[in-house]
Amino acid sequence: MPIITFHKGGQVYSDEVKENTNLVVRAGIRQFPYPHLRYECGMGKCSKCACRVLAGAEHLPAPNWKEKKQLGERLDAGWRLACQLWVQQDIELAQDDALSA
């Protein structure tokens, strides 16, 4: 089962999740990474869940059209929308209020 490591506000949170997990869905039902993950629509329209991928990007699918539209050039800097990711392997993410959309 994948291990999610999540950095926010100078803190690091880590937990194991089931394979093929969406972190925004989990947060919405009050499971890890709730309450640390910032998100809103869950549909790739608002970019509130934008995170920088620190490790594990090679295991993610290519960005979809929603991520390309919302993140633009930030994709090249390792940003992704958590609501659009279904985690299959270990991943390390950072969400910093000063840097997120």
C-alpha atoms as a PDB file:
ATOM      1  CA  MET A   1       0.000   0.000   0.000  1.00  0.00           C
ATOM      2  CA  PRO A   2       1.319   3.467  -0.888  1.00  0.00           C
ATOM      3  CA  ILE A   3       2.753   5.751   1.762  1.00  0.00           C
ATOM      4  CA  ILE A   4       1.826   9.417   1.419  1.00  0.00           C
ATOM      5  CA  THR A   5       4.196  11.970   2.911  1.00  0.00           C
ATOM      6  CA  PHE A   6       2.633  15.427   3.050  1.00  0.00           C
ATOM      7  CA  HIS A   7       4.456  18.663   3.934  1.00  0.00           C
ATOM      8  CA  LYS A   8       2.521  21.730   5.024  1.00  0.00           C
ATOM      9  CA  GLY A   9       3.247  24.664   7.313  1.00  0.00           C
ATOM     10  CA  GLY A  10       6.642  23.328   8.333  1.00  0.00           C
ATOM     11  CA  GLN A  11       5.116  20.023   9.469  1.00  0.00           C
ATOM     12  CA  VAL A  12       5.353  16.590   7.884  1.00  0.00           C
ATOM     13  CA  TYR A  13       2.450  14.144   7.934  1.00  0.00           C
ATOM     14  CA  SER A  14       2.660  10.562   6.724  1.00  0.00           C
ATOM     15  CA  ASP A  15       0.242   7.678   6.423  1.00  0.00           C
ATOM     16  CA  GLU A  16      -0.439   4.576   4.402  1.00  0.00           C
ATOM     17  CA  VAL A  17      -3.404   4.568   2.001  1.00  0.00           C
ATOM     18  CA  LYS A  18      -5.039   1.967  -0.206  1.00  0.00           C
ATOM     19  CA  GLU A  19      -3.780   1.681  -3.771  1.00  0.00           C
ATOM     20  CA  ASN A  20      -5.685   3.800  -6.314  1.00  0.00           C
ATOM     21  CA  THR A  21      -6.536   6.436  -3.692  1.00  0.00           C
ATOM     22  CA  ASN A  22      -7.501  10.023  -4.426  1.00  0.00           C
ATOM     23  CA  LEU A  23      -6.350  12.281  -1.565  1.00  0.00           C
ATOM     24  CA  VAL A  24      -9.110  14.867  -2.055  1.00  0.00           C
ATOM     25  CA  VAL A  25     -11.764  12.148  -1.819  1.00  0.00           C
ATOM     26  CA  ARG A  26     -10.120  10.855   1.370  1.00  0.00           C
ATOM     27  CA  ALA A  27      -9.934  14.346   2.868  1.00  0.00           C
ATOM     28  CA  GLY A  28     -13.595  14.888   2.002  1.00  0.00           C
ATOM     29  CA  ILE A  29     -14.570  11.859   4.073  1.00  0.00           C
ATOM     30  CA  ARG A  30     -12.283  12.975   6.894  1.00  0.00           C
ATOM     31  CA  GLN A  31      -9.443  10.512   6.338  1.00  0.00           C
ATOM     32  CA  PHE A  32      -5.745  11.250   5.846  1.00  0.00           C
ATOM     33  CA  PRO A  33      -4.624  13.844   4.717  1.00  0.00           C
ATOM     34  CA  TYR A  34      -7.614  15.627   6.301  1.00  0.00           C
ATOM     35  CA  PRO A  35      -7.450  18.300   7.788  1.00  0.00           C
ATOM     36  CA  HIS A  36      -4.075  19.252   6.332  1.00  0.00           C
ATOM     37  CA  LEU A  37      -4.863  19.161   2.612  1.00  0.00           C
ATOM     38  CA  ARG A  38      -6.401  22.343   1.228  1.00  0.00           C
ATOM     39  CA  TYR A  39      -8.978  21.609  -1.468  1.00  0.00           C
ATOM     40  CA  GLU A  40     -12.332  22.887  -2.666  1.00  0.00           C
ATOM     41  CA  CYS A  41     -14.153  21.659  -5.777  1.00  0.00           C
ATOM     42  CA  GLY A  42     -12.469  18.270  -6.278  1.00  0.00           C
ATOM     43  CA  MET A  43     -13.016  18.512 -10.039  1.00  0.00           C
ATOM     44  CA  GLY A  44      -9.894  20.299 -11.310  1.00  0.00           C
ATOM     45  CA  LYS A  45     -11.629  23.660 -11.712  1.00  0.00           C
ATOM     46  CA  CYS A  46     -10.318  25.736  -8.789  1.00  0.00           C
ATOM     47  CA  SER A  47      -6.684  24.576  -8.243  1.00  0.00           C
ATOM     48  CA  LYS A  48      -7.004  24.952  -4.446  1.00  0.00           C
ATOM     49  CA  CYS A  49      -5.507  21.454  -4.059  1.00  0.00           C
ATOM     50  CA  ALA A  50      -2.351  22.285  -6.051  1.00  0.00           C
ATOM     51  CA  CYS A  51       0.666  20.500  -4.565  1.00  0.00           C
ATOM     52  CA  ARG A  52       4.321  20.288  -5.460  1.00  0.00           C
ATOM     53  CA  VAL A  53       5.452  16.697  -5.994  1.00  0.00           C
ATOM     54  CA  LEU A  54       8.717  16.189  -4.085  1.00  0.00           C
ATOM     55  CA  ALA A  55       9.125  12.467  -4.790  1.00  0.00           C
ATOM     56  CA  GLY A  56       7.257   9.810  -6.744  1.00  0.00           C
ATOM     57  CA  ALA A  57       6.358  11.900  -9.816  1.00  0.00           C
ATOM     58  CA  GLU A  58       7.674   9.134 -12.058  1.00  0.00           C
ATOM     59  CA  HIS A  59       4.790   6.932 -10.888  1.00  0.00           C
ATOM     60  CA  LEU A  60       2.085   9.444 -11.817  1.00  0.00           C
ATOM     61  CA  PRO A  61       0.271   9.595 -15.145  1.00  0.00           C
ATOM     62  CA  ALA A  62       0.928  12.562 -17.410  1.00  0.00           C
ATOM     63  CA  PRO A  63      -1.015  15.711 -16.484  1.00  0.00           C
ATOM     64  CA  ASN A  64      -4.522  15.802 -17.922  1.00  0.00           C
ATOM     65  CA  TRP A  65      -6.124  18.779 -19.668  1.00  0.00           C
ATOM     66  CA  LYS A  66      -7.546  20.144 -16.413  1.00  0.00           C
ATOM     67  CA  GLU A  67      -4.101  20.264 -14.823  1.00  0.00           C
ATOM     68  CA  LYS A  68      -2.613  21.845 -17.942  1.00  0.00           C
ATOM     69  CA  LYS A  69      -5.315  24.523 -17.924  1.00  0.00           C
ATOM     70  CA  GLN A  70      -5.095  25.297 -14.179  1.00  0.00           C
ATOM     71  CA  LEU A  71      -1.354  24.945 -13.590  1.00  0.00           C
ATOM     72  CA  GLY A  72       0.218  25.957 -16.906  1.00  0.00           C
ATOM     73  CA  GLU A  73       3.954  26.521 -16.477  1.00  0.00           C
ATOM     74  CA  ARG A  74       3.856  25.348 -12.851  1.00  0.00           C
ATOM     75  CA  LEU A  75       3.616  21.777 -14.201  1.00  0.00           C
ATOM     76  CA  ASP A  76       7.267  22.108 -15.238  1.00  0.00           C
ATOM     77  CA  ALA A  77       8.139  22.978 -11.625  1.00  0.00           C
ATOM     78  CA  GLY A  78       6.516  19.774 -10.348  1.00  0.00           C
ATOM     79  CA  TRP A  79       3.046  21.040  -9.418  1.00  0.00           C
ATOM     80  CA  ARG A  80      -0.023  18.804  -9.767  1.00  0.00           C
ATOM     81  CA  LEU A  81      -3.680  18.935  -8.713  1.00  0.00           C
ATOM     82  CA  ALA A  82      -4.271  16.413  -5.919  1.00  0.00           C
ATOM     83  CA  CYS A  83      -7.892  15.977  -7.023  1.00  0.00           C
ATOM     84  CA  GLN A  84      -6.729  14.629 -10.379  1.00  0.00           C
ATOM     85  CA  LEU A  85      -4.271  12.057  -8.992  1.00  0.00           C
ATOM     86  CA  TRP A  86      -5.107   8.455  -8.162  1.00  0.00           C
ATOM     87  CA  VAL A  87      -2.115   7.333  -6.095  1.00  0.00           C
ATOM     88  CA  GLN A  88      -0.696   3.909  -6.933  1.00  0.00           C
ATOM     89  CA  GLN A  89       2.755   4.197  -5.319  1.00  0.00           C
ATOM     90  CA  ASP A  90       4.548   6.116  -2.573  1.00  0.00           C
ATOM     91  CA  ILE A  91       4.445   9.871  -3.104  1.00  0.00           C
ATOM     92  CA  GLU A  92       5.710  12.943  -1.280  1.00  0.00           C
ATOM     93  CA  LEU A  93       3.800  16.207  -1.700  1.00  0.00           C
ATOM     94  CA  ALA A  94       4.077  19.756  -0.381  1.00  0.00           C
ATOM     95  CA  GLN A  95       1.319  22.312  -0.152  1.00  0.00           C
ATOM     96  CA  ASP A  96       2.457  25.746   0.972  1.00  0.00           C
ATOM     97  CA  ASP A  97      -0.135  28.512   1.312  1.00  0.00           C
ATOM     98  CA  ALA A  98       2.364  31.074   0.015  1.00  0.00           C
ATOM     99  CA  LEU A  99       3.035  29.062  -3.155  1.00  0.00           C
ATOM    100  CA  SER A 100      -0.308  27.439  -3.953  1.00  0.00           C
ATOM    101  CA  ALA A 101      -2.930  28.927  -6.197  1.00  0.00           C
END
